[in-house]
C-alpha cells in the first residue's frame, strides 16, 4: 500500500507525506510545526512516526518549520539533503553528525530506496527525489527552472509524479509582479510554466501514471489553466487522460490524498 498526502504545495509552503507500507517519509517541511502536526493528524499520522525528512532546498517555503522540528526531534528522525543545502539549514554543517544525513546518490530508509537528482533552481544545491518501493517509483520534482536531461530521466521512471506547473505565461507577464521578479520566475533557475510542464509530460513514454500538478502560483496561474494545458498536451501525444494518466491538482491550503494497493 502506498499513501500520498500532499499537505501543502505553493509559494506559502510545501510538504509532501508518503506512507509506503510501514515507512513514512516527509518531503520538505514548509509548514510551521503546529500546522504540520494538524495536517498529519488530519490524515491519521504524527510527526513522531516519521522515518525521515527529505529537504529539496533551503528556501523558506520548503523549510519553514524545520528548526522547530529539530528542537523537538533532532537526532531522532534523520533529515536528509545535499551537503550544500545542509550548510544553509539550522545548525549548518556542524549538525551533520547529529541532526542531518548527507545524500549524494542513494539511501535506504525502511523499505524505501531514495535517490536524489539535480534540478535547476536558484538555491545552493537543489534536488528532486525518487522514492522506490514495491516495484513502483514516486518522483518529486518542483521548483524547476528547466527540465534538464537528469530531470527528464527521473520523470520517465515515475509511476506517481509530483510535478511543477507554476505559472501561466500570459498571467505572469500581465500580472502584478515587477519585471525583475518575472524574469526570475521564468528564467532557467526559476519555475516551470504550464506549457513547459505540459510539453515535458507529453513527451514521456506512455504508461499508467498518477500526476499531481504542484506549486501553482496564486497570483500568476489558475487551477483550470494548469489542468487544461497539461491535459490538452497529453492527449495530443496520444496519452489517455483519465484512464492511462490521472491528473490531480494540489493546493497551498488544502490536503490532497490518494492511495494505491499495487499488490492487489
C-alpha atoms as a PDB file:
ATOM      1  CA  UNK A   1       0.000   0.000   0.000  1.00  0.00           C
ATOM      2  CA  UNK A   2       1.210   3.493  -0.886  1.00  0.00           C
ATOM      3  CA  UNK A   3      -0.427   6.598   0.570  1.00  0.00           C
ATOM      4  CA  UNK A   4       0.312  10.093  -0.741  1.00  0.00           C
ATOM      5  CA  UNK A   5      -0.826  13.140   1.192  1.00  0.00           C
ATOM      6  CA  UNK A   6       0.138  16.451  -0.368  1.00  0.00           C
ATOM      7  CA  UNK A   7      -0.281  18.567   2.729  1.00  0.00           C
ATOM      8  CA  UNK A   8       0.569  21.871   1.048  1.00  0.00           C
ATOM      9  CA  UNK A   9       2.021  22.983  -2.268  1.00  0.00           C
ATOM     10  CA  UNK A  10       2.783  26.542  -3.318  1.00  0.00           C
ATOM     11  CA  UNK A  11       4.874  29.585  -2.537  1.00  0.00           C
ATOM     12  CA  UNK A  12       3.456  29.800   1.009  1.00  0.00           C
ATOM     13  CA  UNK A  13       4.585  26.313   1.983  1.00  0.00           C
ATOM     14  CA  UNK A  14       5.385  22.835   0.683  1.00  0.00           C
ATOM     15  CA  UNK A  15       5.089  19.479   2.421  1.00  0.00           C
ATOM     16  CA  UNK A  16       4.542  16.039   0.860  1.00  0.00           C
ATOM     17  CA  UNK A  17       3.915  12.984   3.035  1.00  0.00           C
ATOM     18  CA  UNK A  18       4.214   9.396   1.827  1.00  0.00           C
ATOM     19  CA  UNK A  19       3.386   6.231   3.755  1.00  0.00           C
ATOM     20  CA  UNK A  20       4.800   3.242   1.917  1.00  0.00           C
ATOM     21  CA  UNK A  21       3.836   0.124   3.832  1.00  0.00           C
ATOM     22  CA  UNK A  22       5.391   0.809   7.246  1.00  0.00           C
ATOM     23  CA  UNK A  23       7.809   3.529   6.100  1.00  0.00           C
ATOM     24  CA  UNK A  24       6.745   7.154   6.496  1.00  0.00           C
ATOM     25  CA  UNK A  25       8.627   9.924   4.708  1.00  0.00           C
ATOM     26  CA  UNK A  26       8.076  13.692   4.578  1.00  0.00           C
ATOM     27  CA  UNK A  27       9.446  15.626   1.611  1.00  0.00           C
ATOM     28  CA  UNK A  28      10.048  19.245   2.695  1.00  0.00           C
ATOM     29  CA  UNK A  29       8.956  20.941   5.909  1.00  0.00           C
ATOM     30  CA  UNK A  30       7.471  24.151   4.566  1.00  0.00           C
ATOM     31  CA  UNK A  31       4.738  24.485   7.195  1.00  0.00           C
ATOM     32  CA  UNK A  32       5.056  25.694  10.768  1.00  0.00           C
ATOM     33  CA  UNK A  33       5.315  22.800  13.187  1.00  0.00           C
ATOM     34  CA  UNK A  34       1.848  23.363  14.666  1.00  0.00           C
ATOM     35  CA  UNK A  35       0.251  23.405  11.217  1.00  0.00           C
ATOM     36  CA  UNK A  36       2.282  20.347  10.206  1.00  0.00           C
ATOM     37  CA  UNK A  37       1.001  18.445  13.243  1.00  0.00           C
ATOM     38  CA  UNK A  38      -2.567  19.432  12.387  1.00  0.00           C
ATOM     39  CA  UNK A  39      -2.237  18.313   8.774  1.00  0.00           C
ATOM     40  CA  UNK A  40      -0.667  14.992   9.663  1.00  0.00           C
ATOM     41  CA  UNK A  41      -3.324  14.362  12.299  1.00  0.00           C
ATOM     42  CA  UNK A  42      -5.985  15.025   9.673  1.00  0.00           C
ATOM     43  CA  UNK A  43      -4.618  12.138   7.582  1.00  0.00           C
ATOM     44  CA  UNK A  44      -4.093   9.859  10.568  1.00  0.00           C
ATOM     45  CA  UNK A  45      -0.367  10.263  11.215  1.00  0.00           C
ATOM     46  CA  UNK A  46       2.016  12.078  13.575  1.00  0.00           C
ATOM     47  CA  UNK A  47       5.446  13.689  13.365  1.00  0.00           C
ATOM     48  CA  UNK A  48       6.911  11.138  15.762  1.00  0.00           C
ATOM     49  CA  UNK A  49       6.022   8.352  13.308  1.00  0.00           C
ATOM     50  CA  UNK A  50       8.274   9.766  10.600  1.00  0.00           C
ATOM     51  CA  UNK A  51      11.180   7.638   9.452  1.00  0.00           C
ATOM     52  CA  UNK A  52      12.860  10.506   7.576  1.00  0.00           C
ATOM     53  CA  UNK A  53      12.502  14.082   6.352  1.00  0.00           C
ATOM     54  CA  UNK A  54      13.891  14.897   2.910  1.00  0.00           C
ATOM     55  CA  UNK A  55      14.714  18.522   2.054  1.00  0.00           C
ATOM     56  CA  UNK A  56      14.845  19.603  -1.604  1.00  0.00           C
ATOM     57  CA  UNK A  57      16.427  23.024  -0.935  1.00  0.00           C
ATOM     58  CA  UNK A  58      16.726  25.731   1.678  1.00  0.00           C
ATOM     59  CA  UNK A  59      14.076  28.275   0.582  1.00  0.00           C
ATOM     60  CA  UNK A  60      11.672  29.215   3.369  1.00  0.00           C
ATOM     61  CA  UNK A  61       8.601  27.721   1.715  1.00  0.00           C
ATOM     62  CA  UNK A  62      10.334  24.319   1.967  1.00  0.00           C
ATOM     63  CA  UNK A  63      11.904  24.548   5.446  1.00  0.00           C
ATOM     64  CA  UNK A  64       9.678  26.926   7.434  1.00  0.00           C
ATOM     65  CA  UNK A  65       9.052  24.534  10.335  1.00  0.00           C
ATOM     66  CA  UNK A  66      12.326  22.636  10.240  1.00  0.00           C
ATOM     67  CA  UNK A  67      14.066  24.499  13.069  1.00  0.00           C
ATOM     68  CA  UNK A  68      11.179  23.821  15.448  1.00  0.00           C
ATOM     69  CA  UNK A  69      11.090  20.206  14.330  1.00  0.00           C
ATOM     70  CA  UNK A  70      14.803  19.837  15.093  1.00  0.00           C
ATOM     71  CA  UNK A  71      14.287  21.223  18.598  1.00  0.00           C
ATOM     72  CA  UNK A  72      11.695  18.528  19.263  1.00  0.00           C
ATOM     73  CA  UNK A  73      13.037  15.601  17.219  1.00  0.00           C
ATOM     74  CA  UNK A  74      16.618  16.456  16.246  1.00  0.00           C
ATOM     75  CA  UNK A  75      18.755  13.333  16.194  1.00  0.00           C
ATOM     76  CA  UNK A  76      15.738  11.032  16.491  1.00  0.00           C
ATOM     77  CA  UNK A  77      14.442  11.316  12.920  1.00  0.00           C
ATOM     78  CA  UNK A  78      17.011  11.710  10.124  1.00  0.00           C
ATOM     79  CA  UNK A  79      16.882  14.805   7.911  1.00  0.00           C
ATOM     80  CA  UNK A  80      18.461  14.162   4.512  1.00  0.00           C
ATOM     81  CA  UNK A  81      19.621  16.577   1.830  1.00  0.00           C
ATOM     82  CA  UNK A  82      22.660  17.581  -0.202  1.00  0.00           C
ATOM     83  CA  UNK A  83      25.663  18.975   1.647  1.00  0.00           C
ATOM     84  CA  UNK A  84      25.279  22.453   0.178  1.00  0.00           C
ATOM     85  CA  UNK A  85      21.693  22.614   1.369  1.00  0.00           C
ATOM     86  CA  UNK A  86      22.528  21.240   4.813  1.00  0.00           C
ATOM     87  CA  UNK A  87      25.050  24.038   5.268  1.00  0.00           C
ATOM     88  CA  UNK A  88      22.221  26.558   4.974  1.00  0.00           C
ATOM     89  CA  UNK A  89      19.813  24.824   7.351  1.00  0.00           C
ATOM     90  CA  UNK A  90      19.582  25.473  11.133  1.00  0.00           C
ATOM     91  CA  UNK A  91      22.794  24.270  12.742  1.00  0.00           C
ATOM     92  CA  UNK A  92      24.574  24.152   9.408  1.00  0.00           C
ATOM     93  CA  UNK A  93      27.211  21.569   8.662  1.00  0.00           C
ATOM     94  CA  UNK A  94      28.100  21.498  12.362  1.00  0.00           C
ATOM     95  CA  UNK A  95      24.965  19.416  12.815  1.00  0.00           C
ATOM     96  CA  UNK A  96      25.691  16.888  10.109  1.00  0.00           C
ATOM     97  CA  UNK A  97      26.714  14.207  12.610  1.00  0.00           C
ATOM     98  CA  UNK A  98      23.811  14.760  14.979  1.00  0.00           C
ATOM     99  CA  UNK A  99      20.936  16.324  13.036  1.00  0.00           C
ATOM    100  CA  UNK A 100      21.464  15.653   9.352  1.00  0.00           C
ATOM    101  CA  UNK A 101      22.482  12.993   6.864  1.00  0.00           C
ATOM    102  CA  UNK A 102      24.041  13.905   3.546  1.00  0.00           C
ATOM    103  CA  UNK A 103      22.615  12.256   0.444  1.00  0.00           C
ATOM    104  CA  UNK A 104      24.529  12.302  -2.814  1.00  0.00           C
ATOM    105  CA  UNK A 105      23.457   9.152  -4.569  1.00  0.00           C
ATOM    106  CA  UNK A 106      21.149   6.635  -2.965  1.00  0.00           C
ATOM    107  CA  UNK A 107      19.959   5.959   0.573  1.00  0.00           C
ATOM    108  CA  UNK A 108      17.679   3.375   2.152  1.00  0.00           C
ATOM    109  CA  UNK A 109      15.014   4.286   4.689  1.00  0.00           C
ATOM    110  CA  UNK A 110      12.986   1.332   5.914  1.00  0.00           C
ATOM    111  CA  UNK A 111      11.715  -0.432   2.822  1.00  0.00           C
ATOM    112  CA  UNK A 112      12.190   2.586   0.551  1.00  0.00           C
ATOM    113  CA  UNK A 113      15.175   3.309  -1.671  1.00  0.00           C
ATOM    114  CA  UNK A 114      15.721   7.052  -2.026  1.00  0.00           C
ATOM    115  CA  UNK A 115      17.645   8.713  -4.819  1.00  0.00           C
ATOM    116  CA  UNK A 116      18.275  12.433  -5.294  1.00  0.00           C
ATOM    117  CA  UNK A 117      18.750  14.106  -8.665  1.00  0.00           C
ATOM    118  CA  UNK A 118      19.938  17.585  -9.619  1.00  0.00           C
ATOM    119  CA  UNK A 119      17.410  20.251 -10.543  1.00  0.00           C
ATOM    120  CA  UNK A 120      17.820  23.784 -11.888  1.00  0.00           C
ATOM    121  CA  UNK A 121      16.737  26.365  -9.302  1.00  0.00           C
ATOM    122  CA  UNK A 122      18.250  29.411  -7.610  1.00  0.00           C
ATOM    123  CA  UNK A 123      19.281  27.621  -4.423  1.00  0.00           C
ATOM    124  CA  UNK A 124      22.597  26.247  -3.158  1.00  0.00           C
ATOM    125  CA  UNK A 125      22.264  22.604  -4.281  1.00  0.00           C
ATOM    126  CA  UNK A 126      18.599  21.866  -5.049  1.00  0.00           C
ATOM    127  CA  UNK A 127      17.351  18.359  -5.770  1.00  0.00           C
ATOM    128  CA  UNK A 128      14.342  16.298  -6.624  1.00  0.00           C
ATOM    129  CA  UNK A 129      13.741  12.897  -5.082  1.00  0.00           C
ATOM    130  CA  UNK A 130      12.819   9.431  -6.300  1.00  0.00           C
ATOM    131  CA  UNK A 131      11.280   7.019  -3.790  1.00  0.00           C
ATOM    132  CA  UNK A 132      11.303   3.399  -4.912  1.00  0.00           C
ATOM    133  CA  UNK A 133       9.403   0.531  -3.299  1.00  0.00           C
ATOM    134  CA  UNK A 134       7.065  -2.304  -4.291  1.00  0.00           C
ATOM    135  CA  UNK A 135       8.385  -2.056  -7.841  1.00  0.00           C
ATOM    136  CA  UNK A 136       6.979   1.476  -8.143  1.00  0.00           C
ATOM    137  CA  UNK A 137       8.649   4.880  -8.252  1.00  0.00           C
ATOM    138  CA  UNK A 138       7.434   8.150  -6.759  1.00  0.00           C
ATOM    139  CA  UNK A 139       9.133  11.249  -8.200  1.00  0.00           C
ATOM    140  CA  UNK A 140       9.006  14.701  -6.596  1.00  0.00           C
ATOM    141  CA  UNK A 141      10.172  17.419  -8.987  1.00  0.00           C
ATOM    142  CA  UNK A 142       9.179  21.020  -8.322  1.00  0.00           C
ATOM    143  CA  UNK A 143      10.977  24.389  -8.351  1.00  0.00           C
ATOM    144  CA  UNK A 144      12.410  23.635 -11.773  1.00  0.00           C
ATOM    145  CA  UNK A 145      13.760  26.406 -13.917  1.00  0.00           C
ATOM    146  CA  UNK A 146      14.150  23.994 -16.804  1.00  0.00           C
ATOM    147  CA  UNK A 147      13.676  20.284 -17.466  1.00  0.00           C
ATOM    148  CA  UNK A 148      17.236  19.020 -17.729  1.00  0.00           C
ATOM    149  CA  UNK A 149      18.219  15.559 -19.041  1.00  0.00           C
ATOM    150  CA  UNK A 150      18.584  14.374 -15.412  1.00  0.00           C
ATOM    151  CA  UNK A 151      15.096  15.565 -14.592  1.00  0.00           C
ATOM    152  CA  UNK A 152      13.674  14.007 -17.739  1.00  0.00           C
ATOM    153  CA  UNK A 153      15.308  10.676 -16.894  1.00  0.00           C
ATOM    154  CA  UNK A 154      13.700  10.776 -13.459  1.00  0.00           C
ATOM    155  CA  UNK A 155      10.287  11.666 -14.889  1.00  0.00           C
ATOM    156  CA  UNK A 156      10.380   8.697 -17.218  1.00  0.00           C
ATOM    157  CA  UNK A 157      10.618   6.297 -14.274  1.00  0.00           C
ATOM    158  CA  UNK A 158       7.655   7.781 -12.385  1.00  0.00           C
ATOM    159  CA  UNK A 159       4.513   5.854 -11.590  1.00  0.00           C
ATOM    160  CA  UNK A 160       3.444   8.601  -9.167  1.00  0.00           C
ATOM    161  CA  UNK A 161       4.701  12.074 -10.050  1.00  0.00           C
ATOM    162  CA  UNK A 162       4.569  15.400  -8.217  1.00  0.00           C
ATOM    163  CA  UNK A 163       5.500  17.927 -10.900  1.00  0.00           C
ATOM    164  CA  UNK A 164       5.558  21.685 -11.105  1.00  0.00           C
ATOM    165  CA  UNK A 165       3.129  23.721 -13.209  1.00  0.00           C
ATOM    166  CA  UNK A 166       3.830  27.079 -11.618  1.00  0.00           C
ATOM    167  CA  UNK A 167       2.514  29.831 -13.851  1.00  0.00           C
ATOM    168  CA  UNK A 168       0.594  30.818 -16.931  1.00  0.00           C
ATOM    169  CA  UNK A 169       2.986  32.854 -19.063  1.00  0.00           C
ATOM    170  CA  UNK A 170       0.348  35.402 -20.041  1.00  0.00           C
ATOM    171  CA  UNK A 171      -0.843  35.919 -16.480  1.00  0.00           C
ATOM    172  CA  UNK A 172       2.744  36.331 -15.291  1.00  0.00           C
ATOM    173  CA  UNK A 173       3.587  38.872 -17.974  1.00  0.00           C
ATOM    174  CA  UNK A 174       0.454  40.929 -17.353  1.00  0.00           C
ATOM    175  CA  UNK A 175       0.268  40.421 -13.605  1.00  0.00           C
ATOM    176  CA  UNK A 176       1.367  42.469 -10.581  1.00  0.00           C
ATOM    177  CA  UNK A 177       4.942  41.210 -10.306  1.00  0.00           C
ATOM    178  CA  UNK A 178       7.776  43.630 -11.166  1.00  0.00           C
ATOM    179  CA  UNK A 179       9.836  42.855 -14.242  1.00  0.00           C
ATOM    180  CA  UNK A 180      12.883  41.580 -12.328  1.00  0.00           C
ATOM    181  CA  UNK A 181      10.725  39.058 -10.459  1.00  0.00           C
ATOM    182  CA  UNK A 182       9.011  37.946 -13.654  1.00  0.00           C
ATOM    183  CA  UNK A 183      12.441  37.297 -15.141  1.00  0.00           C
ATOM    184  CA  UNK A 184      13.497  35.312 -12.092  1.00  0.00           C
ATOM    185  CA  UNK A 185      10.389  33.110 -12.277  1.00  0.00           C
ATOM    186  CA  UNK A 186      10.601  32.364 -15.992  1.00  0.00           C
ATOM    187  CA  UNK A 187      14.390  32.006 -16.050  1.00  0.00           C
ATOM    188  CA  UNK A 188      16.344  28.766 -16.159  1.00  0.00           C
ATOM    189  CA  UNK A 189      16.674  28.803 -12.353  1.00  0.00           C
ATOM    190  CA  UNK A 190      13.088  29.779 -11.572  1.00  0.00           C
ATOM    191  CA  UNK A 191       9.847  27.874 -12.131  1.00  0.00           C
ATOM    192  CA  UNK A 192       8.156  25.968 -14.956  1.00  0.00           C
ATOM    193  CA  UNK A 193       5.215  27.457 -16.815  1.00  0.00           C
ATOM    194  CA  UNK A 194       2.097  25.425 -17.558  1.00  0.00           C
ATOM    195  CA  UNK A 195       3.153  24.996 -21.178  1.00  0.00           C
ATOM    196  CA  UNK A 196       6.680  23.901 -20.235  1.00  0.00           C
ATOM    197  CA  UNK A 197       5.273  21.368 -17.800  1.00  0.00           C
ATOM    198  CA  UNK A 198       2.753  20.182 -20.366  1.00  0.00           C
ATOM    199  CA  UNK A 199       5.416  19.691 -23.036  1.00  0.00           C
ATOM    200  CA  UNK A 200       7.688  17.727 -20.699  1.00  0.00           C
ATOM    201  CA  UNK A 201       4.860  15.449 -19.589  1.00  0.00           C
ATOM    202  CA  UNK A 202       3.547  14.911 -23.108  1.00  0.00           C
ATOM    203  CA  UNK A 203       6.980  13.741 -24.273  1.00  0.00           C
ATOM    204  CA  UNK A 204       7.187  10.968 -21.658  1.00  0.00           C
ATOM    205  CA  UNK A 205       6.780   7.341 -22.729  1.00  0.00           C
ATOM    206  CA  UNK A 206       3.215   6.127 -22.465  1.00  0.00           C
ATOM    207  CA  UNK A 207       2.427   4.239 -19.251  1.00  0.00           C
ATOM    208  CA  UNK A 208      -0.009   4.398 -16.360  1.00  0.00           C
ATOM    209  CA  UNK A 209       0.818   7.404 -14.189  1.00  0.00           C
ATOM    210  CA  UNK A 210      -0.688   9.440 -11.409  1.00  0.00           C
ATOM    211  CA  UNK A 211       0.417  13.064 -11.857  1.00  0.00           C
ATOM    212  CA  UNK A 212      -0.020  15.777  -9.229  1.00  0.00           C
ATOM    213  CA  UNK A 213       0.369  19.299 -10.638  1.00  0.00           C
ATOM    214  CA  UNK A 214       2.177  21.230  -7.930  1.00  0.00           C
ATOM    215  CA  UNK A 215       3.499  24.615  -6.829  1.00  0.00           C
ATOM    216  CA  UNK A 216       0.787  26.531  -8.706  1.00  0.00           C
ATOM    217  CA  UNK A 217       1.139  30.283  -8.303  1.00  0.00           C
ATOM    218  CA  UNK A 218      -1.840  32.015  -6.729  1.00  0.00           C
ATOM    219  CA  UNK A 219      -1.055  35.295  -8.499  1.00  0.00           C
ATOM    220  CA  UNK A 220       0.087  34.027 -11.899  1.00  0.00           C
ATOM    221  CA  UNK A 221      -1.904  30.862 -12.513  1.00  0.00           C
ATOM    222  CA  UNK A 222      -5.277  29.227 -12.109  1.00  0.00           C
ATOM    223  CA  UNK A 223      -6.032  25.562 -11.458  1.00  0.00           C
ATOM    224  CA  UNK A 224      -8.081  25.352 -14.652  1.00  0.00           C
ATOM    225  CA  UNK A 225      -5.288  26.860 -16.746  1.00  0.00           C
ATOM    226  CA  UNK A 226      -2.728  24.372 -15.430  1.00  0.00           C
ATOM    227  CA  UNK A 227      -5.019  21.378 -15.777  1.00  0.00           C
ATOM    228  CA  UNK A 228      -6.180  22.311 -19.278  1.00  0.00           C
ATOM    229  CA  UNK A 229      -2.675  22.966 -20.606  1.00  0.00           C
ATOM    230  CA  UNK A 230      -1.386  19.603 -19.403  1.00  0.00           C
ATOM    231  CA  UNK A 231      -4.451  17.597 -20.434  1.00  0.00           C
ATOM    232  CA  UNK A 232      -4.507  19.030 -23.954  1.00  0.00           C
ATOM    233  CA  UNK A 233      -0.794  18.383 -24.481  1.00  0.00           C
ATOM    234  CA  UNK A 234      -1.019  14.819 -23.171  1.00  0.00           C
ATOM    235  CA  UNK A 235      -3.994  13.953 -25.332  1.00  0.00           C
ATOM    236  CA  UNK A 236      -2.342  15.471 -28.405  1.00  0.00           C
ATOM    237  CA  UNK A 237       0.501  12.979 -27.939  1.00  0.00           C
ATOM    238  CA  UNK A 238      -1.838  10.021 -27.509  1.00  0.00           C
ATOM    239  CA  UNK A 239      -1.857   9.729 -23.708  1.00  0.00           C
ATOM    240  CA  UNK A 240      -5.268   8.677 -22.383  1.00  0.00           C
ATOM    241  CA  UNK A 241      -6.075  11.242 -19.697  1.00  0.00           C
ATOM    242  CA  UNK A 242      -8.396   9.889 -17.023  1.00  0.00           C
ATOM    243  CA  UNK A 243      -7.571   6.301 -17.894  1.00  0.00           C
ATOM    244  CA  UNK A 244      -3.870   5.751 -18.524  1.00  0.00           C
ATOM    245  CA  UNK A 245      -2.864   9.063 -16.947  1.00  0.00           C
ATOM    246  CA  UNK A 246      -4.716  10.583 -13.993  1.00  0.00           C
ATOM    247  CA  UNK A 247      -4.211  14.250 -13.209  1.00  0.00           C
ATOM    248  CA  UNK A 248      -4.613  15.795  -9.758  1.00  0.00           C
ATOM    249  CA  UNK A 249      -4.396  19.407  -8.647  1.00  0.00           C
ATOM    250  CA  UNK A 250      -2.661  20.438  -5.441  1.00  0.00           C
ATOM    251  CA  UNK A 251      -3.321  23.427  -3.192  1.00  0.00           C
ATOM    252  CA  UNK A 252      -1.496  25.681  -0.732  1.00  0.00           C
ATOM    253  CA  UNK A 253      -4.203  25.332   1.918  1.00  0.00           C
ATOM    254  CA  UNK A 254      -5.967  22.047   1.251  1.00  0.00           C
ATOM    255  CA  UNK A 255      -4.711  18.485   1.628  1.00  0.00           C
ATOM    256  CA  UNK A 256      -4.866  16.219  -1.419  1.00  0.00           C
ATOM    257  CA  UNK A 257      -4.722  12.497  -0.665  1.00  0.00           C
ATOM    258  CA  UNK A 258      -4.626   9.302  -2.707  1.00  0.00           C
ATOM    259  CA  UNK A 259      -3.687   5.681  -2.078  1.00  0.00           C
ATOM    260  CA  UNK A 260      -2.867   2.666  -4.188  1.00  0.00           C
ATOM    261  CA  UNK A 261      -2.655  -1.050  -3.479  1.00  0.00           C
ATOM    262  CA  UNK A 262      -0.303  -2.178  -6.206  1.00  0.00           C
ATOM    263  CA  UNK A 263      -0.155  -5.719  -4.854  1.00  0.00           C
ATOM    264  CA  UNK A 264      -3.858  -6.433  -5.148  1.00  0.00           C
END
